[in-house]
């Protein structure tokens, strides 16, 4: 289902997890993004990023606002595919399978701590490597070198836990240099699962108000982002609706 020019997966979370665990691949990594209003508005503003996001094989609806719009357009089976939940469900579902995972993201030590938490919480001992990228602009990374290092661990799934749009850009530029079946971007999932960032209660998530909860938790870092994203997401979707019905 298309939302502001970005096609989003509309079959629901269980089907998304099933698709990821099936490990369908044509030889090159399948690119999967858990993207919400933030990513969609970034794509609206930035043509280069829009092309990157549109090139992904699957864009999962990470936020409830996108799900609401999708359902209004007729996608009755569409549900939120929240990055931390996708991560947890896949790691839990593959605990007894020969599917290996590589964790890439977070500040120094975060990915390694997440490996420990995955083993403890999900009983999954198939994490073959971790990497916490330095805080560099995308163009400063040597993706060939990074890809060779990651490929040496033989991962099936590479998880990227950075912020949007950097995580999608990172995955896109890494893909040509890495041997893996999937690269999946999951935003703040790493921080949530190690407990360094508090998740909104489920009832707040269901009200499409998680952005407000996160704003209250980290006002200095997030106020500029959300005071741009929320009004623009509402405006562009209303504009699209008015144009189509006029």
Protein backbone atom coordinates (compact mmCIF):
# COMPACT_ATOMS: atom_id res chain seq x y z
CA UNK A 1 0.00 0.00 0.00
CA UNK A 2 1.46 3.34 -1.06
CA UNK A 3 1.72 6.12 1.53
CA UNK A 4 3.09 9.42 0.18
CA UNK A 5 5.00 7.67 -2.59
CA UNK A 6 6.46 4.85 -0.48
CA UNK A 7 5.06 1.33 -0.82
CA UNK A 8 4.53 -0.25 2.61
CA UNK A 9 4.03 -3.92 3.48
CA UNK A 10 0.31 -4.44 4.08
CA UNK A 11 -0.03 -8.08 5.22
CA UNK A 12 0.61 -7.61 8.93
CA UNK A 13 3.39 -8.35 11.43
CA UNK A 14 3.08 -12.19 11.51
CA UNK A 15 3.37 -12.37 7.71
CA UNK A 16 6.36 -9.99 7.78
CA UNK A 17 8.16 -12.18 10.34
CA UNK A 18 7.29 -15.30 8.33
CA UNK A 19 8.68 -13.70 5.16
CA UNK A 20 11.92 -12.71 6.87
CA UNK A 21 12.40 -16.15 8.43
CA UNK A 22 11.79 -17.82 5.04
CA UNK A 23 15.11 -16.33 3.88
CA UNK A 24 14.04 -15.80 0.26
CA UNK A 25 17.00 -14.39 -1.65
CA UNK A 26 18.05 -14.16 -5.27
CA UNK A 27 21.76 -13.95 -4.49
CA UNK A 28 21.98 -10.31 -3.47
CA UNK A 29 20.82 -9.18 -0.01
CA UNK A 30 17.11 -8.44 0.34
CA UNK A 31 16.80 -4.92 1.78
CA UNK A 32 14.12 -4.45 4.45
CA UNK A 33 13.35 -1.22 6.28
CA UNK A 34 11.09 -0.64 9.26
CA UNK A 35 10.11 2.90 8.33
CA UNK A 36 7.58 5.28 9.84
CA UNK A 37 6.46 8.85 9.34
CA UNK A 38 10.01 10.09 9.89
CA UNK A 39 11.38 8.10 6.95
CA UNK A 40 8.43 8.94 4.72
CA UNK A 41 8.77 12.68 5.35
CA UNK A 42 12.54 12.50 4.81
CA UNK A 43 11.80 10.82 1.46
CA UNK A 44 9.34 13.59 0.64
CA UNK A 45 12.01 16.24 1.30
CA UNK A 46 15.04 14.50 -0.20
CA UNK A 47 14.92 13.03 -3.70
CA UNK A 48 18.10 10.95 -3.25
CA UNK A 49 16.79 9.40 -0.06
CA UNK A 50 13.39 8.78 -1.69
CA UNK A 51 15.12 6.72 -4.41
CA UNK A 52 17.00 4.74 -1.76
CA UNK A 53 13.84 3.96 0.20
CA UNK A 54 11.92 3.08 -2.97
CA UNK A 55 14.73 0.69 -3.94
CA UNK A 56 14.24 -1.39 -0.78
CA UNK A 57 12.56 -4.75 -1.38
CA UNK A 58 10.26 -4.34 1.63
CA UNK A 59 9.33 -1.26 3.65
CA UNK A 60 7.56 -2.27 6.84
CA UNK A 61 5.11 0.25 8.40
CA UNK A 62 6.95 1.02 11.63
CA UNK A 63 4.43 3.57 12.93
CA UNK A 64 0.68 3.62 13.51
CA UNK A 65 0.07 6.82 11.49
CA UNK A 66 1.13 5.00 8.30
CA UNK A 67 -1.08 2.05 9.23
CA UNK A 68 -4.08 4.33 9.75
CA UNK A 69 -3.56 5.87 6.30
CA UNK A 70 -3.05 2.45 4.72
CA UNK A 71 -6.26 1.09 6.22
CA UNK A 72 -8.17 4.16 5.08
CA UNK A 73 -6.97 3.36 1.57
CA UNK A 74 -8.23 -0.22 1.80
CA UNK A 75 -5.36 -2.27 3.25
CA UNK A 76 -7.50 -4.07 5.84
CA UNK A 77 -4.75 -6.54 6.87
CA UNK A 78 -2.15 -3.83 7.42
CA UNK A 79 -0.75 -3.70 10.96
CA UNK A 80 2.17 -1.96 12.55
CA UNK A 81 5.47 -3.75 11.99
CA UNK A 82 7.37 -2.03 14.77
CA UNK A 83 11.15 -2.41 14.42
CA UNK A 84 11.78 -3.67 17.98
CA UNK A 85 8.92 -6.19 17.66
CA UNK A 86 10.09 -7.40 14.26
CA UNK A 87 13.58 -7.87 15.71
CA UNK A 88 12.30 -9.71 18.80
CA UNK A 89 9.94 -11.99 16.87
CA UNK A 90 12.53 -12.95 14.27
CA UNK A 91 15.26 -13.61 16.85
CA UNK A 92 12.83 -15.68 18.91
CA UNK A 93 11.55 -17.60 15.88
CA UNK A 94 15.04 -18.43 14.61
CA UNK A 95 16.54 -19.46 17.95
CA UNK A 96 16.39 -23.16 17.02
CA UNK A 97 17.22 -22.68 13.34
CA UNK A 98 20.53 -22.47 11.50
CA UNK A 99 20.02 -18.80 10.68
CA UNK A 100 22.85 -16.51 11.70
CA UNK A 101 22.64 -12.84 12.63
CA UNK A 102 25.01 -9.88 12.64
CA UNK A 103 24.28 -6.79 14.76
CA UNK A 104 25.41 -3.44 13.38
CA UNK A 105 24.57 -0.18 15.12
CA UNK A 106 24.40 1.83 18.30
CA UNK A 107 27.08 3.60 20.26
CA UNK A 108 30.26 1.77 21.23
CA UNK A 109 29.39 -1.40 23.16
CA UNK A 110 25.65 -1.34 22.36
CA UNK A 111 25.73 -4.11 19.75
CA UNK A 112 27.84 -6.32 22.02
CA UNK A 113 25.44 -5.74 24.92
CA UNK A 114 22.52 -6.56 22.62
CA UNK A 115 24.16 -9.89 21.73
CA UNK A 116 24.14 -10.77 25.42
CA UNK A 117 20.49 -9.72 25.77
CA UNK A 118 19.46 -11.71 22.69
CA UNK A 119 21.03 -14.83 24.17
CA UNK A 120 19.32 -14.22 27.50
CA UNK A 121 15.87 -13.00 26.38
CA UNK A 122 15.34 -14.94 23.17
CA UNK A 123 17.60 -17.97 23.77
CA UNK A 124 19.21 -17.26 20.40
CA UNK A 125 22.92 -18.05 20.28
CA UNK A 126 23.34 -17.50 16.55
CA UNK A 127 24.83 -13.99 16.70
CA UNK A 128 28.05 -14.31 14.69
CA UNK A 129 29.34 -10.75 15.01
CA UNK A 130 28.76 -7.16 16.07
CA UNK A 131 29.87 -3.72 14.88
CA UNK A 132 29.20 -0.25 16.25
CA UNK A 133 29.86 2.24 13.43
CA UNK A 134 31.72 5.43 14.38
CA UNK A 135 29.77 8.67 14.23
CA UNK A 136 30.75 9.57 10.66
CA UNK A 137 28.82 10.99 7.70
CA UNK A 138 27.78 8.24 5.24
CA UNK A 139 30.35 9.29 2.64
CA UNK A 140 33.20 8.75 5.15
CA UNK A 141 32.59 4.99 5.53
CA UNK A 142 34.63 2.42 3.61
CA UNK A 143 31.73 0.07 2.80
CA UNK A 144 33.88 -2.39 0.89
CA UNK A 145 36.11 -2.86 3.93
CA UNK A 146 33.12 -3.07 6.30
CA UNK A 147 31.37 -5.51 3.96
CA UNK A 148 34.40 -7.82 3.83
CA UNK A 149 34.67 -7.84 7.63
CA UNK A 150 30.96 -8.62 8.07
CA UNK A 151 30.95 -11.26 5.30
CA UNK A 152 33.81 -13.12 7.02
CA UNK A 153 31.37 -14.02 9.83
CA UNK A 154 28.91 -15.65 7.35
CA UNK A 155 25.69 -13.92 8.50
CA UNK A 156 22.28 -14.68 6.99
CA UNK A 157 20.66 -11.52 8.37
CA UNK A 158 22.40 -8.23 9.08
CA UNK A 159 20.49 -5.96 11.47
CA UNK A 160 21.16 -2.21 11.22
CA UNK A 161 20.17 -0.18 14.27
CA UNK A 162 20.84 3.47 13.49
CA UNK A 163 18.57 6.48 13.04
CA UNK A 164 16.63 7.34 9.88
CA UNK A 165 17.77 8.25 7.23
CA UNK A 166 21.31 7.13 8.06
CA UNK A 167 20.40 3.48 8.62
CA UNK A 168 18.73 3.11 5.22
CA UNK A 169 21.63 4.88 3.53
CA UNK A 170 24.09 2.63 5.38
CA UNK A 171 22.22 -0.54 4.35
CA UNK A 172 21.90 0.62 0.73
CA UNK A 173 25.63 1.37 0.35
CA UNK A 174 26.69 -1.76 2.26
CA UNK A 175 24.57 -4.20 0.21
CA UNK A 176 26.87 -4.46 -2.86
CA UNK A 177 29.84 -5.44 -0.69
CA UNK A 178 28.36 -7.97 1.69
CA UNK A 179 27.40 -11.65 1.47
CA UNK A 180 24.12 -12.06 3.34
CA UNK A 181 20.52 -12.98 2.60
CA UNK A 182 18.95 -9.91 4.20
CA UNK A 183 19.81 -6.50 5.60
CA UNK A 184 17.11 -5.13 7.92
CA UNK A 185 17.01 -1.64 9.42
CA UNK A 186 15.18 -1.43 12.76
CA UNK A 187 15.86 2.04 14.20
CA UNK A 188 16.00 2.23 17.99
CA UNK A 189 15.47 -1.52 18.49
CA UNK A 190 19.01 -1.97 19.79
CA UNK A 191 18.61 0.69 22.50
CA UNK A 192 15.14 -0.55 23.46
CA UNK A 193 16.24 -4.16 23.91
CA UNK A 194 19.25 -3.34 26.06
CA UNK A 195 17.07 -1.04 28.17
CA UNK A 196 18.93 2.24 27.53
CA UNK A 197 15.78 3.83 26.04
CA UNK A 198 12.30 3.37 27.54
CA UNK A 199 9.58 2.09 25.22
CA UNK A 200 6.13 3.65 25.27
CA UNK A 201 3.39 1.55 26.89
CA UNK A 202 1.36 -0.50 24.41
CA UNK A 203 -1.78 1.62 24.86
CA UNK A 204 0.13 4.76 23.90
CA UNK A 205 1.55 3.01 20.84
CA UNK A 206 -1.97 1.93 19.82
CA UNK A 207 -3.16 5.54 20.03
CA UNK A 208 -0.46 6.58 17.54
CA UNK A 209 1.08 8.73 20.27
CA UNK A 210 4.44 7.05 20.74
CA UNK A 211 6.11 10.05 19.15
CA UNK A 212 4.76 12.20 22.02
CA UNK A 213 5.99 9.72 24.64
CA UNK A 214 9.47 9.66 23.10
CA UNK A 215 9.43 13.46 22.89
CA UNK A 216 8.75 13.64 26.63
CA UNK A 217 11.61 11.20 27.29
CA UNK A 218 14.16 12.99 25.07
CA UNK A 219 12.87 16.55 24.44
CA UNK A 220 16.23 18.17 23.61
CA UNK A 221 17.10 15.57 20.97
CA UNK A 222 13.68 15.00 19.41
CA UNK A 223 11.62 18.20 19.60
CA UNK A 224 12.80 19.59 16.26
CA UNK A 225 12.22 16.26 14.51
CA UNK A 226 8.67 15.70 15.73
CA UNK A 227 7.51 19.29 15.40
CA UNK A 228 8.37 18.97 11.73
CA UNK A 229 7.33 15.37 11.03
CA UNK A 230 3.89 15.21 12.63
CA UNK A 231 2.39 18.36 11.02
CA UNK A 232 3.93 17.54 7.63
CA UNK A 233 2.70 13.94 7.68
CA UNK A 234 -0.85 15.10 8.43
CA UNK A 235 -0.68 17.95 5.89
CA UNK A 236 0.65 15.88 2.98
CA UNK A 237 -1.86 13.08 3.51
CA UNK A 238 -4.77 15.53 3.78
CA UNK A 239 -3.55 17.29 0.66
CA UNK A 240 -3.36 13.98 -1.22
CA UNK A 241 -6.87 13.05 -0.06
CA UNK A 242 -8.32 16.42 -1.13
CA UNK A 243 -6.66 16.24 -4.55
CA UNK A 244 -7.96 12.71 -5.18
CA UNK A 245 -11.51 13.54 -4.14
CA UNK A 246 -11.76 16.90 -5.92
